[in-house]
C-alpha atoms as a PDB file:
ATOM      1  CA  MET A   1       3.820  77.909 -32.999  1.00  0.00           C
ATOM      2  CA  PRO A   2       6.851  74.835 -32.504  1.00  0.00           C
ATOM      3  CA  ALA A   3       5.876  71.563 -31.103  1.00  0.00           C
ATOM      4  CA  ARG A   4       6.860  70.842 -27.295  1.00  0.00           C
ATOM      5  CA  ALA A   5       9.759  69.231 -27.265  1.00  0.00           C
ATOM      6  CA  HIS A   6      10.287  65.571 -26.136  1.00  0.00           C
ATOM      7  CA  ARG A   7      10.996  64.997 -22.566  1.00  0.00           C
ATOM      8  CA  PRO A   8      11.275  61.308 -20.693  1.00  0.00           C
ATOM      9  CA  CYS A   9       8.136  60.269 -19.400  1.00  0.00           C
ATOM     10  CA  ARG A  10       7.715  61.355 -15.459  1.00  0.00           C
ATOM     11  CA  HIS A  11       7.278  57.852 -14.306  1.00  0.00           C
ATOM     12  CA  PRO A  12      10.260  56.774 -12.538  1.00  0.00           C
ATOM     13  CA  GLY A  13      12.670  54.278 -14.971  1.00  0.00           C
ATOM     14  CA  CYS A  14      10.285  54.994 -18.002  1.00  0.00           C
ATOM     15  CA  PRO A  15      12.024  55.566 -21.214  1.00  0.00           C
ATOM     16  CA  ALA A  16       9.275  56.956 -23.300  1.00  0.00           C
ATOM     17  CA  LEU A  17       9.622  60.103 -24.514  1.00  0.00           C
ATOM     18  CA  VAL A  18       6.326  62.042 -24.374  1.00  0.00           C
ATOM     19  CA  ARG A  19       5.596  65.908 -25.874  1.00  0.00           C
ATOM     20  CA  VAL A  20       2.209  65.891 -23.930  1.00  0.00           C
ATOM     21  CA  ARG A  21       2.137  68.619 -20.607  1.00  0.00           C
ATOM     22  CA  HIS A  22       1.080  65.876 -18.200  1.00  0.00           C
ATOM     23  CA  GLY A  23       4.569  64.198 -18.630  1.00  0.00           C
ATOM     24  CA  LEU A  24       3.088  60.580 -18.718  1.00  0.00           C
ATOM     25  CA  CYS A  25       3.758  57.907 -21.668  1.00  0.00           C
ATOM     26  CA  PRO A  26       0.171  56.038 -22.613  1.00  0.00           C
ATOM     27  CA  ASP A  27       0.663  53.360 -20.205  1.00  0.00           C
ATOM     28  CA  HIS A  28       1.669  55.134 -17.206  1.00  0.00           C
ATOM     29  CA  LEU A  29      -1.442  57.885 -18.173  1.00  0.00           C
ATOM     30  CA  LYS A  30      -3.765  55.144 -18.090  1.00  0.00           C
ATOM     31  CA  SER A  31      -2.157  53.579 -14.971  1.00  0.00           C
ATOM     32  CA  ALA A  32      -2.367  57.169 -13.178  1.00  0.00           C
ATOM     33  CA  ARG A  33      -6.098  57.824 -14.435  1.00  0.00           C
ATOM     34  CA  LYS A  34      -6.930  54.562 -13.031  1.00  0.00           C
ATOM     35  CA  ARG A  35      -5.573  55.002  -9.411  1.00  0.00           C
ATOM     36  CA  ALA A  36      -7.035  58.449  -9.157  1.00  0.00           C
ATOM     37  CA  ASP A  37     -10.828  57.220  -9.823  1.00  0.00           C
ATOM     38  CA  GLU A  38     -10.183  54.645  -7.362  1.00  0.00           C
ATOM     39  CA  GLN A  39      -9.192  56.969  -4.426  1.00  0.00           C
ATOM     40  CA  ARG A  40     -12.287  59.099  -5.614  1.00  0.00           C
ATOM     41  CA  ASP A  41     -15.417  58.837  -4.043  1.00  0.00           C
ATOM     42  CA  SER A  42     -18.334  56.737  -5.473  1.00  0.00           C
ATOM     43  CA  SER A  43     -21.045  59.042  -7.604  1.00  0.00           C
ATOM     44  CA  ALA A  44     -23.657  58.224  -4.838  1.00  0.00           C
ATOM     45  CA  GLU A  45     -20.925  59.336  -2.507  1.00  0.00           C
ATOM     46  CA  ARG A  46     -20.506  62.895  -3.880  1.00  0.00           C
ATOM     47  CA  GLY A  47     -23.974  63.678  -4.125  1.00  0.00           C
ATOM     48  CA  TYR A  48     -25.560  61.926  -7.371  1.00  0.00           C
ATOM     49  CA  GLY A  49     -27.680  58.832  -6.304  1.00  0.00           C
ATOM     50  CA  ALA A  50     -31.341  58.462  -6.963  1.00  0.00           C
ATOM     51  CA  ALA A  51     -32.314  61.471  -5.383  1.00  0.00           C
ATOM     52  CA  TRP A  52     -30.195  63.458  -7.879  1.00  0.00           C
ATOM     53  CA  ARG A  53     -31.345  61.191 -10.963  1.00  0.00           C
ATOM     54  CA  ARG A  54     -34.878  62.107  -9.906  1.00  0.00           C
ATOM     55  CA  ALA A  55     -34.416  65.700  -9.527  1.00  0.00           C
ATOM     56  CA  ARG A  56     -32.126  65.733 -12.616  1.00  0.00           C
ATOM     57  CA  ALA A  57     -34.984  64.394 -14.833  1.00  0.00           C
ATOM     58  CA  ALA A  58     -37.489  66.436 -13.409  1.00  0.00           C
ATOM     59  CA  PHE A  59     -35.279  69.448 -14.468  1.00  0.00           C
ATOM     60  CA  LEU A  60     -34.440  68.445 -17.702  1.00  0.00           C
ATOM     61  CA  ARG A  61     -38.396  68.485 -18.480  1.00  0.00           C
ATOM     62  CA  LEU A  62     -38.572  71.561 -17.762  1.00  0.00           C
ATOM     63  CA  HIS A  63     -35.601  72.935 -19.701  1.00  0.00           C
ATOM     64  CA  PRO A  64     -35.478  70.585 -22.860  1.00  0.00           C
ATOM     65  CA  VAL A  65     -32.896  72.754 -24.940  1.00  0.00           C
ATOM     66  CA  CYS A  66     -29.038  73.651 -24.201  1.00  0.00           C
ATOM     67  CA  GLU A  67     -28.922  76.976 -21.969  1.00  0.00           C
ATOM     68  CA  CYS A  68     -25.286  77.926 -22.545  1.00  0.00           C
ATOM     69  CA  ASP A  69     -24.471  81.228 -23.971  1.00  0.00           C
ATOM     70  CA  GLU A  70     -23.195  80.132 -27.353  1.00  0.00           C
ATOM     71  CA  CYS A  71     -26.520  78.292 -27.966  1.00  0.00           C
ATOM     72  CA  ARG A  72     -28.549  81.070 -27.073  1.00  0.00           C
ATOM     73  CA  ALA A  73     -26.362  83.424 -29.140  1.00  0.00           C
ATOM     74  CA  GLN A  74     -26.131  81.451 -32.268  1.00  0.00           C
ATOM     75  CA  HIS A  75     -29.943  80.540 -31.629  1.00  0.00           C
ATOM     76  CA  ARG A  76     -29.023  76.816 -31.471  1.00  0.00           C
ATOM     77  CA  LEU A  77     -31.535  74.273 -30.194  1.00  0.00           C
ATOM     78  CA  LEU A  78     -29.668  71.390 -29.115  1.00  0.00           C
ATOM     79  CA  PRO A  79     -31.302  68.914 -26.764  1.00  0.00           C
ATOM     80  CA  ALA A  80     -30.054  69.358 -23.412  1.00  0.00           C
ATOM     81  CA  SER A  81     -28.941  65.960 -21.521  1.00  0.00           C
ATOM     82  CA  VAL A  82     -26.669  67.467 -18.898  1.00  0.00           C
ATOM     83  CA  VAL A  83     -27.869  69.404 -15.776  1.00  0.00           C
ATOM     84  CA  ASP A  84     -24.869  71.387 -14.987  1.00  0.00           C
ATOM     85  CA  HIS A  85     -23.820  73.397 -11.656  1.00  0.00           C
ATOM     86  CA  ARG A  86     -23.260  76.713 -13.193  1.00  0.00           C
ATOM     87  CA  VAL A  87     -20.812  77.335 -10.051  1.00  0.00           C
ATOM     88  CA  PRO A  88     -19.205  74.226  -9.391  1.00  0.00           C
ATOM     89  CA  HIS A  89     -20.187  72.850  -5.760  1.00  0.00           C
ATOM     90  CA  ARG A  90     -16.856  71.459  -4.982  1.00  0.00           C
ATOM     91  CA  GLY A  91     -19.254  68.999  -2.112  1.00  0.00           C
ATOM     92  CA  ASP A  92     -20.987  71.668  -0.865  1.00  0.00           C
ATOM     93  CA  MET A  93     -24.690  70.143  -0.407  1.00  0.00           C
ATOM     94  CA  ARG A  94     -26.367  73.678  -0.348  1.00  0.00           C
ATOM     95  CA  VAL A  95     -24.700  74.655  -3.812  1.00  0.00           C
ATOM     96  CA  PHE A  96     -25.281  71.137  -5.189  1.00  0.00           C
ATOM     97  CA  TRP A  97     -29.135  71.560  -4.304  1.00  0.00           C
ATOM     98  CA  ASP A  98     -29.649  74.998  -5.246  1.00  0.00           C
ATOM     99  CA  GLN A  99     -31.880  74.570  -8.327  1.00  0.00           C
ATOM    100  CA  SER A 100     -31.034  78.465  -9.201  1.00  0.00           C
ATOM    101  CA  ASN A 101     -27.522  77.256  -9.789  1.00  0.00           C
ATOM    102  CA  TRP A 102     -28.346  74.555 -12.272  1.00  0.00           C
ATOM    103  CA  GLN A 103     -28.639  75.121 -16.164  1.00  0.00           C
ATOM    104  CA  ALA A 104     -29.545  72.602 -18.867  1.00  0.00           C
ATOM    105  CA  LEU A 105     -27.015  71.759 -21.322  1.00  0.00           C
ATOM    106  CA  ALA A 106     -26.171  69.802 -24.389  1.00  0.00           C
ATOM    107  CA  LYS A 107     -23.555  66.892 -23.546  1.00  0.00           C
ATOM    108  CA  ARG A 108     -20.648  68.723 -25.830  1.00  0.00           C
ATOM    109  CA  CYS A 109     -21.729  72.303 -24.592  1.00  0.00           C
ATOM    110  CA  HIS A 110     -21.108  70.794 -20.641  1.00  0.00           C
ATOM    111  CA  ASP A 111     -17.777  69.157 -21.852  1.00  0.00           C
ATOM    112  CA  ARG A 112     -16.712  72.339 -23.263  1.00  0.00           C
ATOM    113  CA  LYS A 113     -17.526  74.488 -20.451  1.00  0.00           C
ATOM    114  CA  THR A 114     -15.899  71.640 -17.956  1.00  0.00           C
ATOM    115  CA  ALA A 115     -12.486  71.506 -19.850  1.00  0.00           C
ATOM    116  CA  THR A 116     -12.522  75.655 -19.864  1.00  0.00           C
ATOM    117  CA  HIS A 117     -13.909  76.876 -16.868  1.00  0.00           C
ATOM    118  CA  ASP A 118     -14.388  74.229 -14.113  1.00  0.00           C
ATOM    119  CA  GLY A 119     -10.319  73.040 -14.215  1.00  0.00           C
ATOM    120  CA  GLY A 120     -10.837  70.092 -16.385  1.00  0.00           C
ATOM    121  CA  PHE A 121      -8.526  68.602 -18.129  1.00  0.00           C
ATOM    122  CA  GLY A 122      -5.723  70.310 -15.779  1.00  0.00           C
ATOM    123  CA  ASN A 123      -6.882  73.844 -16.845  1.00  0.00           C
ATOM    124  CA  ALA A 124      -6.803  76.319 -14.594  1.00  0.00           C
ATOM    125  CA  LEU A 125      -9.969  77.450 -12.297  1.00  0.00           C
ATOM    126  CA  ARG A 126     -11.816  80.576 -14.149  1.00  0.00           C
END
């Protein structure tokens, strides 16, 4: 597949040429991410406070191995370090605290799931 054509950075007045889909040069991408982080609520405001940390630790004690489909299919035993919401809660606290919606995942499996299914890195939601 041919490489994406160079295009000007979409930040006004920036002469840098980029090939990436988001259209920002590294300098402007960094500042855009910083602005987005400043506008986002804190983790505690999103529900990930002390109560979540306690519930997460208890859940991981009961589910110490990654439960992703790929690890199960390949009989891989990776230690779980992340409690993932199977269905993204999008701020709905009923969905957030529903333990039947939780799964224990290894960090790399969680990152892959987030990037491919939950709209991470600008991908469409599945």
